[in-house]
C-alpha atoms as a PDB file:
ATOM      1  CA  MET A   1      16.306  -0.956  -9.356  1.00  0.00           C
ATOM      2  CA  ASN A   2      12.939   0.669  -9.857  1.00  0.00           C
ATOM      3  CA  PHE A   3       9.848   0.043  -7.725  1.00  0.00           C
ATOM      4  CA  ILE A   4       8.257  -2.548 -10.046  1.00  0.00           C
ATOM      5  CA  GLN A   5      11.519  -4.496 -10.173  1.00  0.00           C
ATOM      6  CA  MET A   6      11.827  -4.348  -6.440  1.00  0.00           C
ATOM      7  CA  LEU A   7       8.306  -5.541  -6.001  1.00  0.00           C
ATOM      8  CA  ASN A   8       8.775  -8.489  -8.436  1.00  0.00           C
ATOM      9  CA  ALA A   9      11.915  -9.525  -6.674  1.00  0.00           C
ATOM     10  CA  ALA A  10      10.173  -9.231  -3.298  1.00  0.00           C
ATOM     11  CA  TRP A  11       7.300 -11.490  -4.435  1.00  0.00           C
ATOM     12  CA  ARG A  12       9.848 -14.124  -5.531  1.00  0.00           C
ATOM     13  CA  ARG A  13      12.118 -13.868  -2.511  1.00  0.00           C
ATOM     14  CA  THR A  14       9.437 -13.914   0.197  1.00  0.00           C
ATOM     15  CA  ASP A  15       6.776 -16.023  -1.630  1.00  0.00           C
ATOM     16  CA  SER A  16       4.267 -13.569  -0.092  1.00  0.00           C
ATOM     17  CA  MET A  17       1.780 -10.951  -1.292  1.00  0.00           C
ATOM     18  CA  LEU A  18       1.205  -9.524   2.221  1.00  0.00           C
ATOM     19  CA  CYS A  19       1.781  -5.815   2.558  1.00  0.00           C
ATOM     20  CA  VAL A  20       2.049  -4.779   6.266  1.00  0.00           C
ATOM     21  CA  GLY A  21       0.357  -1.378   6.837  1.00  0.00           C
ATOM     22  CA  LEU A  22       1.991   0.844   9.501  1.00  0.00           C
ATOM     23  CA  ASP A  23      -0.876   2.905  11.036  1.00  0.00           C
ATOM     24  CA  PRO A  24       0.520   3.653  14.533  1.00  0.00           C
ATOM     25  CA  GLU A  25      -1.969   4.780  17.219  1.00  0.00           C
ATOM     26  CA  PRO A  26      -0.072   5.526  20.456  1.00  0.00           C
ATOM     27  CA  ALA A  27      -3.247   5.062  22.597  1.00  0.00           C
ATOM     28  CA  ARG A  28      -3.163   1.391  21.582  1.00  0.00           C
ATOM     29  CA  PHE A  29       0.536   0.768  22.265  1.00  0.00           C
ATOM     30  CA  PRO A  30       1.478  -1.724  24.972  1.00  0.00           C
ATOM     31  CA  PRO A  31       2.674  -0.393  28.348  1.00  0.00           C
ATOM     32  CA  PRO A  32       6.437  -0.881  27.633  1.00  0.00           C
ATOM     33  CA  LEU A  33       6.237   1.860  24.939  1.00  0.00           C
ATOM     34  CA  THR A  34       4.052   4.439  26.592  1.00  0.00           C
ATOM     35  CA  GLY A  35       5.439   7.809  27.550  1.00  0.00           C
ATOM     36  CA  ARG A  36       8.458   7.698  25.219  1.00  0.00           C
ATOM     37  CA  ALA A  37       9.301  10.572  22.833  1.00  0.00           C
ATOM     38  CA  ASP A  38      10.127   8.144  20.100  1.00  0.00           C
ATOM     39  CA  THR A  39       7.338   5.701  20.828  1.00  0.00           C
ATOM     40  CA  ILE A  40       5.956   5.647  17.279  1.00  0.00           C
ATOM     41  CA  LEU A  41       9.291   4.864  15.774  1.00  0.00           C
ATOM     42  CA  GLU A  42      10.038   2.104  18.336  1.00  0.00           C
ATOM     43  CA  PHE A  43       6.622   0.494  17.868  1.00  0.00           C
ATOM     44  CA  CYS A  44       6.920   0.477  14.097  1.00  0.00           C
ATOM     45  CA  ARG A  45      10.434  -0.796  14.140  1.00  0.00           C
ATOM     46  CA  ALA A  46       9.406  -3.681  16.325  1.00  0.00           C
ATOM     47  CA  ILE A  47       6.517  -4.547  14.007  1.00  0.00           C
ATOM     48  CA  VAL A  48       8.781  -4.305  10.898  1.00  0.00           C
ATOM     49  CA  ASP A  49      11.388  -6.639  12.502  1.00  0.00           C
ATOM     50  CA  ALA A  50       8.671  -9.134  13.536  1.00  0.00           C
ATOM     51  CA  THR A  51       6.799  -9.203  10.227  1.00  0.00           C
ATOM     52  CA  ALA A  52       9.620  -8.775   7.660  1.00  0.00           C
ATOM     53  CA  PRO A  53       9.871 -12.545   7.046  1.00  0.00           C
ATOM     54  CA  TYR A  54       6.241 -12.684   5.880  1.00  0.00           C
ATOM     55  CA  ALA A  55       5.857  -9.294   4.035  1.00  0.00           C
ATOM     56  CA  CYS A  56       6.635  -8.271   0.437  1.00  0.00           C
ATOM     57  CA  ALA A  57       6.153  -4.580   1.336  1.00  0.00           C
ATOM     58  CA  PHE A  58       5.475  -2.081   4.021  1.00  0.00           C
ATOM     59  CA  LYS A  59       3.005   0.762   3.809  1.00  0.00           C
ATOM     60  CA  PRO A  60       3.166   3.537   6.387  1.00  0.00           C
ATOM     61  CA  GLN A  61       0.097   5.890   6.420  1.00  0.00           C
ATOM     62  CA  ILE A  62       1.400   9.438   6.635  1.00  0.00           C
ATOM     63  CA  ALA A  63      -1.547  10.766   8.670  1.00  0.00           C
ATOM     64  CA  TYR A  64      -0.719   8.499  11.618  1.00  0.00           C
ATOM     65  CA  PHE A  65       2.677  10.190  11.772  1.00  0.00           C
ATOM     66  CA  SER A  66       1.891  13.801  11.006  1.00  0.00           C
ATOM     67  CA  ALA A  67      -1.105  13.944  13.372  1.00  0.00           C
ATOM     68  CA  TYR A  68       1.408  13.219  16.194  1.00  0.00           C
ATOM     69  CA  ARG A  69       4.158  15.526  14.868  1.00  0.00           C
ATOM     70  CA  ALA A  70       6.200  12.440  14.101  1.00  0.00           C
ATOM     71  CA  GLU A  71       7.337  13.186  10.597  1.00  0.00           C
ATOM     72  CA  ALA A  72      10.989  12.863  11.681  1.00  0.00           C
ATOM     73  CA  GLN A  73      10.153   9.418  13.106  1.00  0.00           C
ATOM     74  CA  LEU A  74       8.629   8.456   9.704  1.00  0.00           C
ATOM     75  CA  GLU A  75      11.853   9.485   7.994  1.00  0.00           C
ATOM     76  CA  LYS A  76      13.886   7.342  10.414  1.00  0.00           C
ATOM     77  CA  LEU A  77      11.515   4.394  10.026  1.00  0.00           C
ATOM     78  CA  ILE A  78      11.769   4.373   6.247  1.00  0.00           C
ATOM     79  CA  ALA A  79      15.552   4.693   6.484  1.00  0.00           C
ATOM     80  CA  TYR A  80      15.611   1.839   8.915  1.00  0.00           C
ATOM     81  CA  ILE A  81      13.618  -0.366   6.567  1.00  0.00           C
ATOM     82  CA  HIS A  82      15.933   0.449   3.660  1.00  0.00           C
ATOM     83  CA  THR A  83      18.980  -0.306   5.799  1.00  0.00           C
ATOM     84  CA  GLN A  84      17.801  -3.441   7.576  1.00  0.00           C
ATOM     85  CA  TYR A  85      15.618  -4.956   4.758  1.00  0.00           C
ATOM     86  CA  PRO A  86      17.063  -3.734   1.482  1.00  0.00           C
ATOM     87  CA  GLY A  87      14.860  -4.681  -1.431  1.00  0.00           C
ATOM     88  CA  VAL A  88      11.660  -4.546   0.516  1.00  0.00           C
ATOM     89  CA  PRO A  89       9.597  -1.701  -1.018  1.00  0.00           C
ATOM     90  CA  VAL A  90       8.056   0.992   1.190  1.00  0.00           C
ATOM     91  CA  ILE A  91       4.834   2.526  -0.064  1.00  0.00           C
ATOM     92  CA  LEU A  92       3.942   5.850   1.458  1.00  0.00           C
ATOM     93  CA  ASP A  93       0.144   5.962   1.752  1.00  0.00           C
ATOM     94  CA  ALA A  94      -0.776   9.663   1.443  1.00  0.00           C
ATOM     95  CA  LYS A  95      -3.365   9.636  -1.357  1.00  0.00           C
ATOM     96  CA  ARG A  96      -2.085  12.984  -2.757  1.00  0.00           C
ATOM     97  CA  GLY A  97      -4.181  14.745  -5.202  1.00  0.00           C
ATOM     98  CA  ASP A  98      -3.687  18.467  -6.138  1.00  0.00           C
ATOM     99  CA  ILE A  99      -2.823  20.741  -9.050  1.00  0.00           C
ATOM    100  CA  GLY A 100       0.456  20.185 -10.889  1.00  0.00           C
ATOM    101  CA  SER A 101       2.729  22.677  -9.087  1.00  0.00           C
ATOM    102  CA  THR A 102       1.581  21.454  -5.701  1.00  0.00           C
ATOM    103  CA  ALA A 103       1.797  17.784  -6.837  1.00  0.00           C
ATOM    104  CA  ALA A 104       5.451  18.384  -7.828  1.00  0.00           C
ATOM    105  CA  LEU A 105       6.136  19.325  -4.183  1.00  0.00           C
ATOM    106  CA  TYR A 106       4.267  16.322  -2.898  1.00  0.00           C
ATOM    107  CA  ALA A 107       6.427  14.172  -5.075  1.00  0.00           C
ATOM    108  CA  ARG A 108       9.578  15.766  -3.645  1.00  0.00           C
ATOM    109  CA  GLU A 109       8.189  15.178  -0.169  1.00  0.00           C
ATOM    110  CA  ALA A 110       7.510  11.534  -0.772  1.00  0.00           C
ATOM    111  CA  PHE A 111      10.514  10.544  -2.856  1.00  0.00           C
ATOM    112  CA  GLU A 112      13.298  12.922  -1.684  1.00  0.00           C
ATOM    113  CA  ARG A 113      12.404  13.726   1.929  1.00  0.00           C
ATOM    114  CA  TYR A 114      10.925  10.430   2.986  1.00  0.00           C
ATOM    115  CA  ARG A 115      12.690   8.295   0.256  1.00  0.00           C
ATOM    116  CA  ALA A 116       9.586   6.164  -0.251  1.00  0.00           C
ATOM    117  CA  ASP A 117       9.712   3.683  -3.060  1.00  0.00           C
ATOM    118  CA  ALA A 118       6.089   4.328  -4.042  1.00  0.00           C
ATOM    119  CA  LEU A 119       3.273   6.739  -3.279  1.00  0.00           C
ATOM    120  CA  THR A 120      -0.561   6.457  -3.361  1.00  0.00           C
ATOM    121  CA  VAL A 121      -2.146   9.280  -5.423  1.00  0.00           C
ATOM    122  CA  ASN A 122      -5.694  10.457  -6.086  1.00  0.00           C
ATOM    123  CA  PRO A 123      -6.369  10.918  -9.912  1.00  0.00           C
ATOM    124  CA  TYR A 124      -9.640  12.811  -9.735  1.00  0.00           C
ATOM    125  CA  LEU A 125      -8.099  16.180 -10.584  1.00  0.00           C
ATOM    126  CA  GLY A 126      -6.983  14.691 -13.898  1.00  0.00           C
ATOM    127  CA  THR A 127      -3.714  13.925 -15.742  1.00  0.00           C
ATOM    128  CA  ASP A 128      -1.967  17.156 -14.907  1.00  0.00           C
ATOM    129  CA  SER A 129      -2.319  16.479 -11.165  1.00  0.00           C
ATOM    130  CA  ILE A 130      -0.498  13.164 -11.259  1.00  0.00           C
ATOM    131  CA  ALA A 131       1.979  13.909 -14.131  1.00  0.00           C
ATOM    132  CA  PRO A 132       4.626  15.426 -11.696  1.00  0.00           C
ATOM    133  CA  TYR A 133       5.020  12.009 -10.046  1.00  0.00           C
ATOM    134  CA  PHE A 134       6.006  10.458 -13.325  1.00  0.00           C
ATOM    135  CA  ALA A 135       9.185  12.669 -13.302  1.00  0.00           C
ATOM    136  CA  HIS A 136      10.476  10.161 -10.822  1.00  0.00           C
ATOM    137  CA  PRO A 137      10.459   7.074 -13.156  1.00  0.00           C
ATOM    138  CA  ASP A 138      12.156   4.694 -10.663  1.00  0.00           C
ATOM    139  CA  LYS A 139       9.374   5.341  -8.166  1.00  0.00           C
ATOM    140  CA  GLY A 140       5.934   3.723  -7.987  1.00  0.00           C
ATOM    141  CA  VAL A 141       2.724   5.686  -8.465  1.00  0.00           C
ATOM    142  CA  ILE A 142      -0.272   3.789  -7.110  1.00  0.00           C
ATOM    143  CA  VAL A 143      -3.495   5.302  -8.297  1.00  0.00           C
ATOM    144  CA  LEU A 144      -6.779   5.169  -6.386  1.00  0.00           C
ATOM    145  CA  CYS A 145      -9.272   3.252  -8.542  1.00  0.00           C
ATOM    146  CA  ARG A 146     -11.985   1.423  -6.622  1.00  0.00           C
ATOM    147  CA  THR A 147     -11.493   2.075  -2.974  1.00  0.00           C
ATOM    148  CA  SER A 148     -12.562  -0.127  -0.081  1.00  0.00           C
ATOM    149  CA  ASN A 149     -14.869   2.337   1.656  1.00  0.00           C
ATOM    150  CA  GLU A 150     -18.647   2.231   0.964  1.00  0.00           C
ATOM    151  CA  GLY A 151     -18.741   5.947   0.083  1.00  0.00           C
ATOM    152  CA  GLY A 152     -16.388   5.502  -2.789  1.00  0.00           C
ATOM    153  CA  ALA A 153     -19.257   4.247  -4.869  1.00  0.00           C
ATOM    154  CA  GLU A 154     -20.845   7.765  -4.920  1.00  0.00           C
ATOM    155  CA  VAL A 155     -18.165   8.790  -7.388  1.00  0.00           C
ATOM    156  CA  GLN A 156     -16.466   5.530  -8.610  1.00  0.00           C
ATOM    157  CA  LEU A 157     -19.732   3.834  -9.687  1.00  0.00           C
ATOM    158  CA  GLN A 158     -21.069   6.804 -11.640  1.00  0.00           C
ATOM    159  CA  ARG A 159     -21.353   6.045 -15.358  1.00  0.00           C
ATOM    160  CA  ALA A 160     -19.551   7.883 -18.106  1.00  0.00           C
ATOM    161  CA  GLY A 161     -20.722   6.477 -21.414  1.00  0.00           C
ATOM    162  CA  ASN A 162     -20.537   2.670 -21.242  1.00  0.00           C
ATOM    163  CA  ALA A 163     -18.077   2.493 -18.282  1.00  0.00           C
ATOM    164  CA  TYR A 164     -17.951   3.296 -14.631  1.00  0.00           C
ATOM    165  CA  ILE A 165     -15.615   6.022 -13.479  1.00  0.00           C
ATOM    166  CA  TYR A 166     -13.267   3.504 -11.798  1.00  0.00           C
ATOM    167  CA  GLN A 167     -13.000   1.548 -15.041  1.00  0.00           C
ATOM    168  CA  ILE A 168     -12.103   4.721 -16.886  1.00  0.00           C
ATOM    169  CA  ILE A 169      -9.396   5.371 -14.333  1.00  0.00           C
ATOM    170  CA  ALA A 170      -8.040   1.834 -14.870  1.00  0.00           C
ATOM    171  CA  GLN A 171      -8.095   2.298 -18.659  1.00  0.00           C
ATOM    172  CA  ARG A 172      -6.238   5.664 -18.526  1.00  0.00           C
ATOM    173  CA  ALA A 173      -3.696   4.246 -16.107  1.00  0.00           C
ATOM    174  CA  VAL A 174      -2.804   1.522 -18.508  1.00  0.00           C
ATOM    175  CA  LYS A 175      -3.123   3.311 -21.838  1.00  0.00           C
ATOM    176  CA  GLN A 176      -1.939   6.861 -20.984  1.00  0.00           C
ATOM    177  CA  TRP A 177      -0.258   7.188 -17.642  1.00  0.00           C
ATOM    178  CA  ASN A 178       1.972   4.124 -17.448  1.00  0.00           C
ATOM    179  CA  ALA A 179       4.584   5.128 -20.048  1.00  0.00           C
ATOM    180  CA  ASN A 180       7.404   4.490 -17.545  1.00  0.00           C
ATOM    181  CA  GLY A 181       5.887   1.163 -16.368  1.00  0.00           C
ATOM    182  CA  GLN A 182       5.672   2.503 -12.788  1.00  0.00           C
ATOM    183  CA  LEU A 183       1.942   2.434 -11.999  1.00  0.00           C
ATOM    184  CA  GLY A 184      -0.153   0.407  -9.696  1.00  0.00           C
ATOM    185  CA  LEU A 185      -3.878   0.586  -8.827  1.00  0.00           C
ATOM    186  CA  VAL A 186      -5.735   0.580  -5.521  1.00  0.00           C
ATOM    187  CA  MET A 187      -8.622  -1.832  -5.494  1.00  0.00           C
ATOM    188  CA  GLY A 188     -10.536  -2.570  -2.289  1.00  0.00           C
ATOM    189  CA  ALA A 189     -10.752  -6.173  -1.153  1.00  0.00           C
ATOM    190  CA  THR A 190     -14.409  -5.525  -0.401  1.00  0.00           C
ATOM    191  CA  PHE A 191     -15.229  -5.565  -4.168  1.00  0.00           C
ATOM    192  CA  PRO A 192     -13.830  -8.707  -5.729  1.00  0.00           C
ATOM    193  CA  LYS A 193     -15.954  -8.558  -8.853  1.00  0.00           C
ATOM    194  CA  ASP A 194     -14.478  -5.060  -9.603  1.00  0.00           C
ATOM    195  CA  ILE A 195     -11.044  -6.415  -8.847  1.00  0.00           C
ATOM    196  CA  ALA A 196     -11.511  -9.043 -11.593  1.00  0.00           C
ATOM    197  CA  ILE A 197     -12.680  -6.408 -14.058  1.00  0.00           C
ATOM    198  CA  VAL A 198      -9.705  -4.191 -13.418  1.00  0.00           C
ATOM    199  CA  ARG A 199      -7.287  -7.137 -13.672  1.00  0.00           C
ATOM    200  CA  ARG A 200      -8.707  -7.796 -17.165  1.00  0.00           C
ATOM    201  CA  ILE A 201      -8.241  -4.131 -18.090  1.00  0.00           C
ATOM    202  CA  ALA A 202      -4.768  -3.819 -16.569  1.00  0.00           C
ATOM    203  CA  GLY A 203      -3.300  -7.080 -17.650  1.00  0.00           C
ATOM    204  CA  ASP A 204      -0.609  -8.916 -15.610  1.00  0.00           C
ATOM    205  CA  LYS A 205       2.040  -6.112 -15.393  1.00  0.00           C
ATOM    206  CA  VAL A 206       0.150  -3.660 -13.179  1.00  0.00           C
ATOM    207  CA  PRO A 207       0.212  -4.460  -9.450  1.00  0.00           C
ATOM    208  CA  LEU A 208      -2.945  -4.037  -7.449  1.00  0.00           C
ATOM    209  CA  LEU A 209      -2.751  -2.695  -3.877  1.00  0.00           C
ATOM    210  CA  ILE A 210      -5.632  -4.371  -2.006  1.00  0.00           C
ATOM    211  CA  PRO A 211      -6.692  -2.643   1.217  1.00  0.00           C
ATOM    212  CA  GLY A 212      -9.658  -3.787   3.334  1.00  0.00           C
ATOM    213  CA  ALA A 213      -8.665  -7.408   3.752  1.00  0.00           C
ATOM    214  CA  GLY A 214      -8.415  -7.309   7.578  1.00  0.00           C
ATOM    215  CA  VAL A 215     -10.551  -5.254   9.923  1.00  0.00           C
ATOM    216  CA  GLN A 216     -12.580  -3.693   7.071  1.00  0.00           C
ATOM    217  CA  GLY A 217     -13.915  -7.162   6.273  1.00  0.00           C
ATOM    218  CA  GLY A 218     -12.690  -7.827   2.711  1.00  0.00           C
ATOM    219  CA  GLU A 219     -12.518 -11.522   1.985  1.00  0.00           C
ATOM    220  CA  ILE A 220      -9.014 -12.665   1.096  1.00  0.00           C
ATOM    221  CA  ARG A 221      -9.914 -15.719  -0.998  1.00  0.00           C
ATOM    222  CA  ALA A 222     -12.179 -13.791  -3.307  1.00  0.00           C
ATOM    223  CA  ALA A 223      -9.682 -10.978  -3.723  1.00  0.00           C
ATOM    224  CA  VAL A 224      -6.822 -13.345  -4.493  1.00  0.00           C
ATOM    225  CA  GLN A 225      -8.790 -15.331  -7.053  1.00  0.00           C
ATOM    226  CA  ALA A 226     -10.105 -12.178  -8.688  1.00  0.00           C
ATOM    227  CA  GLY A 227      -6.785 -10.308  -8.882  1.00  0.00           C
ATOM    228  CA  CYS A 228      -3.889 -12.795  -8.944  1.00  0.00           C
ATOM    229  CA  THR A 229      -1.865 -12.817 -12.166  1.00  0.00           C
ATOM    230  CA  ARG A 230      -1.012 -15.918 -14.165  1.00  0.00           C
ATOM    231  CA  GLN A 231       2.431 -15.771 -12.538  1.00  0.00           C
ATOM    232  CA  GLY A 232       0.835 -16.224  -9.088  1.00  0.00           C
ATOM    233  CA  ASN A 233       1.429 -12.770  -7.805  1.00  0.00           C
ATOM    234  CA  GLY A 234       0.443  -9.217  -8.831  1.00  0.00           C
ATOM    235  CA  LEU A 235      -1.133  -8.259  -5.513  1.00  0.00           C
ATOM    236  CA  LEU A 236      -0.218  -6.257  -2.432  1.00  0.00           C
ATOM    237  CA  ILE A 237      -2.835  -7.399   0.006  1.00  0.00           C
ATOM    238  CA  ASN A 238      -2.616  -4.901   2.867  1.00  0.00           C
ATOM    239  CA  ALA A 239      -3.309  -5.563   6.515  1.00  0.00           C
ATOM    240  CA  SER A 240      -2.714  -3.002   9.261  1.00  0.00           C
ATOM    241  CA  ARG A 241      -4.738  -3.107  12.472  1.00  0.00           C
ATOM    242  CA  ALA A 242      -5.283  -6.888  12.319  1.00  0.00           C
ATOM    243  CA  ILE A 243      -1.478  -7.284  12.560  1.00  0.00           C
ATOM    244  CA  LEU A 244      -0.359  -4.233  14.449  1.00  0.00           C
ATOM    245  CA  TYR A 245      -2.710  -4.835  17.411  1.00  0.00           C
ATOM    246  CA  ALA A 246      -2.895  -8.602  17.418  1.00  0.00           C
ATOM    247  CA  GLY A 247      -1.393  -8.307  20.976  1.00  0.00           C
ATOM    248  CA  ASN A 248      -1.529  -5.664  23.587  1.00  0.00           C
ATOM    249  CA  ASP A 249       1.188  -6.560  26.013  1.00  0.00           C
ATOM    250  CA  ALA A 250       4.998  -6.885  26.084  1.00  0.00           C
ATOM    251  CA  ASP A 251       4.739  -9.727  23.512  1.00  0.00           C
ATOM    252  CA  PHE A 252       2.969  -7.517  20.932  1.00  0.00           C
ATOM    253  CA  ALA A 253       5.678  -7.987  18.295  1.00  0.00           C
ATOM    254  CA  LEU A 254       5.435 -11.824  18.558  1.00  0.00           C
ATOM    255  CA  ALA A 255       1.629 -11.590  18.258  1.00  0.00           C
ATOM    256  CA  ALA A 256       2.071  -9.406  15.177  1.00  0.00           C
ATOM    257  CA  ALA A 257       4.486 -11.958  13.657  1.00  0.00           C
ATOM    258  CA  ARG A 258       2.031 -14.804  14.214  1.00  0.00           C
ATOM    259  CA  ALA A 259      -0.770 -12.705  12.688  1.00  0.00           C
ATOM    260  CA  ALA A 260       1.331 -11.821   9.631  1.00  0.00           C
ATOM    261  CA  GLN A 261       2.334 -15.438   9.177  1.00  0.00           C
ATOM    262  CA  ARG A 262      -1.289 -16.561   9.305  1.00  0.00           C
ATOM    263  CA  MET A 263      -2.320 -14.004   6.721  1.00  0.00           C
ATOM    264  CA  ARG A 264       0.605 -14.738   4.450  1.00  0.00           C
ATOM    265  CA  ASP A 265      -0.282 -18.456   4.619  1.00  0.00           C
ATOM    266  CA  THR A 266      -4.012 -17.760   3.965  1.00  0.00           C
ATOM    267  CA  ILE A 267      -3.116 -15.751   0.857  1.00  0.00           C
ATOM    268  CA  ARG A 268      -0.840 -18.495  -0.365  1.00  0.00           C
ATOM    269  CA  SER A 269      -3.450 -21.093   0.100  1.00  0.00           C
ATOM    270  CA  HIS A 270      -5.890 -19.352  -2.348  1.00  0.00           C
ATOM    271  CA  ILE A 271      -3.413 -18.780  -5.263  1.00  0.00           C
END
């Protein structure tokens, strides 16, 4: 089963478009986990177990692991998700973007070493910088399009002819890069009007990964109504810190579960 098939099945099975981001910061962990060599793995496993009933996908951010020399813990975490929750896709958030020969190695890292089901990539070096990921047709390639940060406008809202750069990225993703039917697009929840434009460009078959719906302040209702497909899905609405750090004591996992359930239900209510 390829990434898009996994995602479609997960949407149906969980009746959820919530993607739980795994951005572990050991300084924010509750006391029971402090001082352990495997603290990042244990924290993330507890979050996964608590939120799995409400999530259609998990999205570990690689920098939060590599900065703490925890790449081995990331490998074990993804293996754990695949074993305990088969069929739940894991998106490795790395935003890779480099020349073709280097991109081929990044693809091996994501898909062979970490065994992620999908990877976020930066398309701003052009087609040859993302083509190596297409050599893994069963894996998802999620392309940065209109990102949730304010500074993204400096590039993404530049005009090229009659379109903005982010619109050109969306057009190329649909018309040129998606020959294997494996692409998704990153669209910030902070810009619902742009989400609606990209949904019209991309049609119903391209999933949109929507960061910025939690702490960054993106409004869930507007994002859902702008980007939801006619089938009532099509979105991966990511929440990280709002779920991970909903509690700060021994009951942190229970607090995370409650936060995930609330967000899942909020998303549902706006479809």
